[in-house]
Each structure stands twice: as C-alpha cells, then as structure tokens.
C-alpha atoms as a PDB file:
ATOM      1  CA  MET A   1     -28.307   0.537 -17.747  1.00  0.00           C
ATOM      2  CA  GLN A   2     -26.218   0.828 -20.864  1.00  0.00           C
ATOM      3  CA  PRO A   3     -22.622  -0.481 -20.834  1.00  0.00           C
ATOM      4  CA  ALA A   4     -21.106   3.027 -20.796  1.00  0.00           C
ATOM      5  CA  THR A   5     -23.350   3.985 -17.887  1.00  0.00           C
ATOM      6  CA  VAL A   6     -22.391   0.865 -15.940  1.00  0.00           C
ATOM      7  CA  GLU A   7     -18.696   1.527 -16.560  1.00  0.00           C
ATOM      8  CA  THR A   8     -19.064   5.146 -15.449  1.00  0.00           C
ATOM      9  CA  TYR A   9     -20.954   4.050 -12.337  1.00  0.00           C
ATOM     10  CA  PHE A  10     -18.253   1.587 -11.292  1.00  0.00           C
ATOM     11  CA  ARG A  11     -15.442   4.021 -12.085  1.00  0.00           C
ATOM     12  CA  THR A  12     -17.134   6.765 -10.025  1.00  0.00           C
ATOM     13  CA  ARG A  13     -17.704   4.358  -7.140  1.00  0.00           C
ATOM     14  CA  ARG A  14     -14.073   3.260  -7.240  1.00  0.00           C
ATOM     15  CA  VAL A  15     -12.785   6.838  -7.306  1.00  0.00           C
ATOM     16  CA  LEU A  16     -14.976   7.836  -4.358  1.00  0.00           C
ATOM     17  CA  THR A  17     -13.972   4.726  -2.379  1.00  0.00           C
ATOM     18  CA  SER A  18     -10.302   5.408  -3.057  1.00  0.00           C
ATOM     19  CA  LEU A  19     -10.618   9.060  -2.116  1.00  0.00           C
ATOM     20  CA  LEU A  20     -12.318   8.169   1.166  1.00  0.00           C
ATOM     21  CA  VAL A  21      -9.681   5.578   2.070  1.00  0.00           C
ATOM     22  CA  TRP A  22      -6.782   7.914   1.228  1.00  0.00           C
ATOM     23  CA  LEU A  23      -8.345  10.705   3.289  1.00  0.00           C
ATOM     24  CA  LEU A  24      -8.797   8.361   6.251  1.00  0.00           C
ATOM     25  CA  CYS A  25      -5.185   7.199   5.900  1.00  0.00           C
ATOM     26  CA  ALA A  26      -3.714  10.699   5.534  1.00  0.00           C
ATOM     27  CA  PRO A  27      -2.592  10.926   9.195  1.00  0.00           C
ATOM     28  CA  GLY A  28      -0.936   7.511   8.919  1.00  0.00           C
ATOM     29  CA  ILE A  29       0.820   8.486   5.700  1.00  0.00           C
ATOM     30  CA  PHE A  30       2.008  11.726   7.272  1.00  0.00           C
ATOM     31  CA  PHE A  31       3.420  10.032  10.378  1.00  0.00           C
ATOM     32  CA  HIS A  32       4.963   7.232   8.337  1.00  0.00           C
ATOM     33  CA  CYS A  33       6.684   9.665   5.982  1.00  0.00           C
ATOM     34  CA  ALA A  34       7.875  11.806   8.911  1.00  0.00           C
ATOM     35  CA  PHE A  35       9.308   8.729  10.641  1.00  0.00           C
ATOM     36  CA  ALA A  36      10.975   7.545   7.422  1.00  0.00           C
ATOM     37  CA  ILE A  37      12.527  10.973   6.817  1.00  0.00           C
ATOM     38  CA  ILE A  38      13.849  11.186  10.374  1.00  0.00           C
ATOM     39  CA  ALA A  39      15.098   7.583  10.323  1.00  0.00           C
ATOM     40  CA  GLY A  40      16.596   7.935   6.851  1.00  0.00           C
ATOM     41  CA  GLY A  41      18.275  11.191   7.845  1.00  0.00           C
ATOM     42  CA  SER A  42      19.841   9.630  10.915  1.00  0.00           C
ATOM     43  CA  LEU A  43      21.091   6.735   8.795  1.00  0.00           C
ATOM     44  CA  LEU A  44      22.587   9.063   6.192  1.00  0.00           C
ATOM     45  CA  THR A  45      24.341  11.193   8.805  1.00  0.00           C
ATOM     46  CA  GLY A  46      25.698   8.098  10.545  1.00  0.00           C
ATOM     47  CA  GLN A  47      24.182   9.118  13.849  1.00  0.00           C
ATOM     48  CA  HIS A  48      23.034   5.581  14.738  1.00  0.00           C
ATOM     49  CA  LEU A  49      25.601   3.423  13.007  1.00  0.00           C
ATOM     50  CA  SER A  50      27.199   2.097  16.156  1.00  0.00           C
ATOM     51  CA  PRO A  51      27.020  -1.693  16.549  1.00  0.00           C
ATOM     52  CA  PHE A  52      25.284  -1.095  19.869  1.00  0.00           C
ATOM     53  CA  ASP A  53      22.453   0.754  18.101  1.00  0.00           C
ATOM     54  CA  ALA A  54      21.529  -2.138  15.812  1.00  0.00           C
ATOM     55  CA  SER A  55      17.850  -1.817  16.698  1.00  0.00           C
ATOM     56  CA  GLU A  56      17.914   1.868  15.690  1.00  0.00           C
ATOM     57  CA  VAL A  57      19.541   0.998  12.364  1.00  0.00           C
ATOM     58  CA  LEU A  58      17.007  -1.751  11.685  1.00  0.00           C
ATOM     59  CA  ALA A  59      14.117   0.534  12.612  1.00  0.00           C
ATOM     60  CA  GLY A  60      15.423   3.185  10.235  1.00  0.00           C
ATOM     61  CA  VAL A  61      15.891   0.781   7.344  1.00  0.00           C
ATOM     62  CA  PHE A  62      12.509  -0.785   8.054  1.00  0.00           C
ATOM     63  CA  GLY A  63      10.827   2.631   8.141  1.00  0.00           C
ATOM     64  CA  VAL A  64      12.234   3.566   4.756  1.00  0.00           C
ATOM     65  CA  ILE A  65      11.454   0.191   3.147  1.00  0.00           C
ATOM     66  CA  THR A  66       7.871   0.151   4.364  1.00  0.00           C
ATOM     67  CA  LEU A  67       7.155   3.329   2.395  1.00  0.00           C
ATOM     68  CA  PHE A  68       6.949   0.914  -0.537  1.00  0.00           C
ATOM     69  CA  ALA A  69       3.632  -0.305   0.906  1.00  0.00           C
ATOM     70  CA  TRP A  70       2.053   3.126   0.312  1.00  0.00           C
ATOM     71  CA  VAL A  71       3.508   3.277  -3.197  1.00  0.00           C
ATOM     72  CA  ALA A  72       2.165  -0.202  -3.958  1.00  0.00           C
ATOM     73  CA  LEU A  73      -1.263   0.736  -2.578  1.00  0.00           C
ATOM     74  CA  GLY A  74      -1.334   3.859  -4.733  1.00  0.00           C
ATOM     75  CA  TRP A  75      -0.345   1.908  -7.828  1.00  0.00           C
ATOM     76  CA  MET A  76      -2.844  -0.892  -7.134  1.00  0.00           C
ATOM     77  CA  ASP A  77      -5.539   1.683  -6.490  1.00  0.00           C
ATOM     78  CA  TYR A  78      -4.798   3.592  -9.696  1.00  0.00           C
ATOM     79  CA  ARG A  79      -4.888   0.438 -11.798  1.00  0.00           C
ATOM     80  CA  TRP A  80      -8.118  -0.686 -10.073  1.00  0.00           C
ATOM     81  CA  MET A  81      -9.764   2.625 -10.937  1.00  0.00           C
ATOM     82  CA  GLU A  82      -8.692   2.068 -14.550  1.00  0.00           C
ATOM     83  CA  ASP A  83     -10.044  -1.510 -14.343  1.00  0.00           C
ATOM     84  CA  ARG A  84      -6.638  -2.882 -15.347  1.00  0.00           C
ATOM     85  CA  THR A  85      -4.348  -5.393 -13.681  1.00  0.00           C
ATOM     86  CA  PHE A  86      -0.584  -5.631 -13.465  1.00  0.00           C
ATOM     87  CA  HIS A  87       2.110  -8.023 -12.301  1.00  0.00           C
ATOM     88  CA  TRP A  88       1.141 -10.117  -9.270  1.00  0.00           C
ATOM     89  CA  ALA A  89       4.275  -9.096  -7.323  1.00  0.00           C
ATOM     90  CA  TRP A  90       3.061  -5.524  -6.716  1.00  0.00           C
ATOM     91  CA  PRO A  91      -0.047  -6.447  -4.748  1.00  0.00           C
ATOM     92  CA  VAL A  92       1.528  -9.386  -2.955  1.00  0.00           C
ATOM     93  CA  PHE A  93       4.735  -7.694  -1.795  1.00  0.00           C
ATOM     94  CA  GLY A  94       3.067  -4.356  -1.082  1.00  0.00           C
ATOM     95  CA  THR A  95       0.424  -5.973   1.113  1.00  0.00           C
ATOM     96  CA  LEU A  96       2.952  -8.234   2.859  1.00  0.00           C
ATOM     97  CA  ILE A  97       5.179  -5.281   3.704  1.00  0.00           C
ATOM     98  CA  ALA A  98       2.161  -3.359   5.023  1.00  0.00           C
ATOM     99  CA  LEU A  99       1.055  -6.284   7.187  1.00  0.00           C
ATOM    100  CA  VAL A 100       4.564  -6.754   8.590  1.00  0.00           C
ATOM    101  CA  ALA A 101       4.717  -3.033   9.366  1.00  0.00           C
ATOM    102  CA  ALA A 102       1.303  -3.294  11.050  1.00  0.00           C
ATOM    103  CA  VAL A 103       2.559  -6.108  13.288  1.00  0.00           C
ATOM    104  CA  PHE A 104       5.531  -4.054  14.463  1.00  0.00           C
ATOM    105  CA  THR A 105       3.525  -0.888  15.071  1.00  0.00           C
ATOM    106  CA  HIS A 106       0.684  -2.750  16.801  1.00  0.00           C
ATOM    107  CA  ILE A 107      -2.534  -0.827  17.303  1.00  0.00           C
ATOM    108  CA  LEU A 108      -1.249   2.432  15.813  1.00  0.00           C
ATOM    109  CA  ALA A 109      -1.266   0.881  12.360  1.00  0.00           C
ATOM    110  CA  LEU A 110      -4.884  -0.149  12.734  1.00  0.00           C
ATOM    111  CA  ILE A 111      -5.905   3.315  13.871  1.00  0.00           C
ATOM    112  CA  PHE A 112      -4.037   5.280  11.217  1.00  0.00           C
ATOM    113  CA  ALA A 113      -3.815   2.846   8.308  1.00  0.00           C
ATOM    114  CA  GLY A 114      -6.667   0.385   8.877  1.00  0.00           C
ATOM    115  CA  PRO A 115      -8.737   1.489   5.883  1.00  0.00           C
ATOM    116  CA  GLY A 116      -5.639   1.322   3.691  1.00  0.00           C
ATOM    117  CA  ILE A 117      -4.838  -2.176   4.913  1.00  0.00           C
ATOM    118  CA  LEU A 118      -8.397  -3.305   4.179  1.00  0.00           C
ATOM    119  CA  LEU A 119      -8.333  -1.722   0.712  1.00  0.00           C
ATOM    120  CA  ALA A 120      -4.899  -3.213   0.000  1.00  0.00           C
ATOM    121  CA  THR A 121      -6.115  -6.679   0.961  1.00  0.00           C
ATOM    122  CA  TYR A 122      -9.167  -6.319  -1.276  1.00  0.00           C
ATOM    123  CA  LEU A 123      -7.079  -4.962  -4.160  1.00  0.00           C
ATOM    124  CA  CYS A 124      -4.547  -7.765  -3.762  1.00  0.00           C
ATOM    125  CA  ILE A 125      -7.316 -10.333  -4.148  1.00  0.00           C
ATOM    126  CA  TRP A 126      -8.929  -8.373  -6.999  1.00  0.00           C
ATOM    127  CA  HIS A 127      -5.699  -8.000  -8.984  1.00  0.00           C
ATOM    128  CA  ILE A 128      -4.626 -11.626  -8.580  1.00  0.00           C
ATOM    129  CA  ARG A 129      -8.092 -12.987  -9.400  1.00  0.00           C
ATOM    130  CA  ARG A 130      -8.450 -10.639 -12.358  1.00  0.00           C
ATOM    131  CA  ALA A 131      -4.978 -11.501 -13.678  1.00  0.00           C
ATOM    132  CA  ARG A 132      -5.855 -15.205 -13.553  1.00  0.00           C
ATOM    133  CA  LEU A 133      -9.112 -14.572 -15.408  1.00  0.00           C
ATOM    134  CA  ASP A 134      -7.293 -12.484 -18.026  1.00  0.00           C
ATOM    135  CA  ALA A 135      -4.650 -15.201 -18.452  1.00  0.00           C
ATOM    136  CA  ALA A 136      -7.322 -17.896 -18.779  1.00  0.00           C
ATOM    137  CA  GLY A 137      -9.203 -15.790 -21.342  1.00  0.00           C
ATOM    138  CA  ALA A 138      -6.042 -15.230 -23.366  1.00  0.00           C
ATOM    139  CA  ALA A 139      -5.162 -18.939 -23.287  1.00  0.00           C
ATOM    140  CA  GLY A 140      -8.530 -20.262 -24.275  1.00  0.00           C
END
C-alpha cells in the first residue's frame, strides 16, 4: 500500500470505531445528560441546599462535573482520528473522572458506557505514549 492509502485506511478505521462506540454509548450519554440537567436544575433552584441533603448536593455537583468525561472522550477521539496528540491532562483527568463515575454508578456504567470507558482507556494510553514519542523525536 502507498502511504496515502495506509493513512486513509487507518483514518477510516478510526472513524468507524469511534462511530460504533458513540452509538453504543448513546443511551448512557442521554441518561447522564438528563441526570446532570435535573441535578443542576435542583442545585440552581436551591431545592436541595439544606444541610441535611448534603448527599443530594454532592450527587448533583458530581453529576454535572462528570459530564467533563464525555467532553474529554470526544476531544481525545477527535484528535485520535486526526492522528494528533494534545496535553496529557485531558486524557488522564477525563478517564479518571469517568472511572470514578463508573465506581459510583456500579453496573449501570458498564452497561451504558462500557465501550466508551474501554475507548477512553485506550485513547489515554495512545495519547500519552504518542506525546512521549513526539517529545523524544523533537529532543533528539
């Protein structure tokens, strides 16, 4: 294969893999966004701001913060399809937030977001490894 053909092959494979994972995660994204909107709305209205409802407040804040995991996955995925890396903090913090959210939601996270968690873990490793290779190539 010629270099352009190889690049097109890998780009097509990455796009199809990403599309499949995002389609499989669509129910999880929907439920997560719905929960974050409901939790964020109750926080903004002050409905659960009583000191006795501390768990409700923490769940609401946690639900809104963990949306960052989907944003980080989308950004990592986009850059992977372009075959470009970015700062190491995006993959590390995005994946850590997703794994923490998965622990608190137990099996539901694995059912609805399992493919996304697997892709995020792979992309985290890919971006960090690729960034180190790029840094080593630039230094030497």
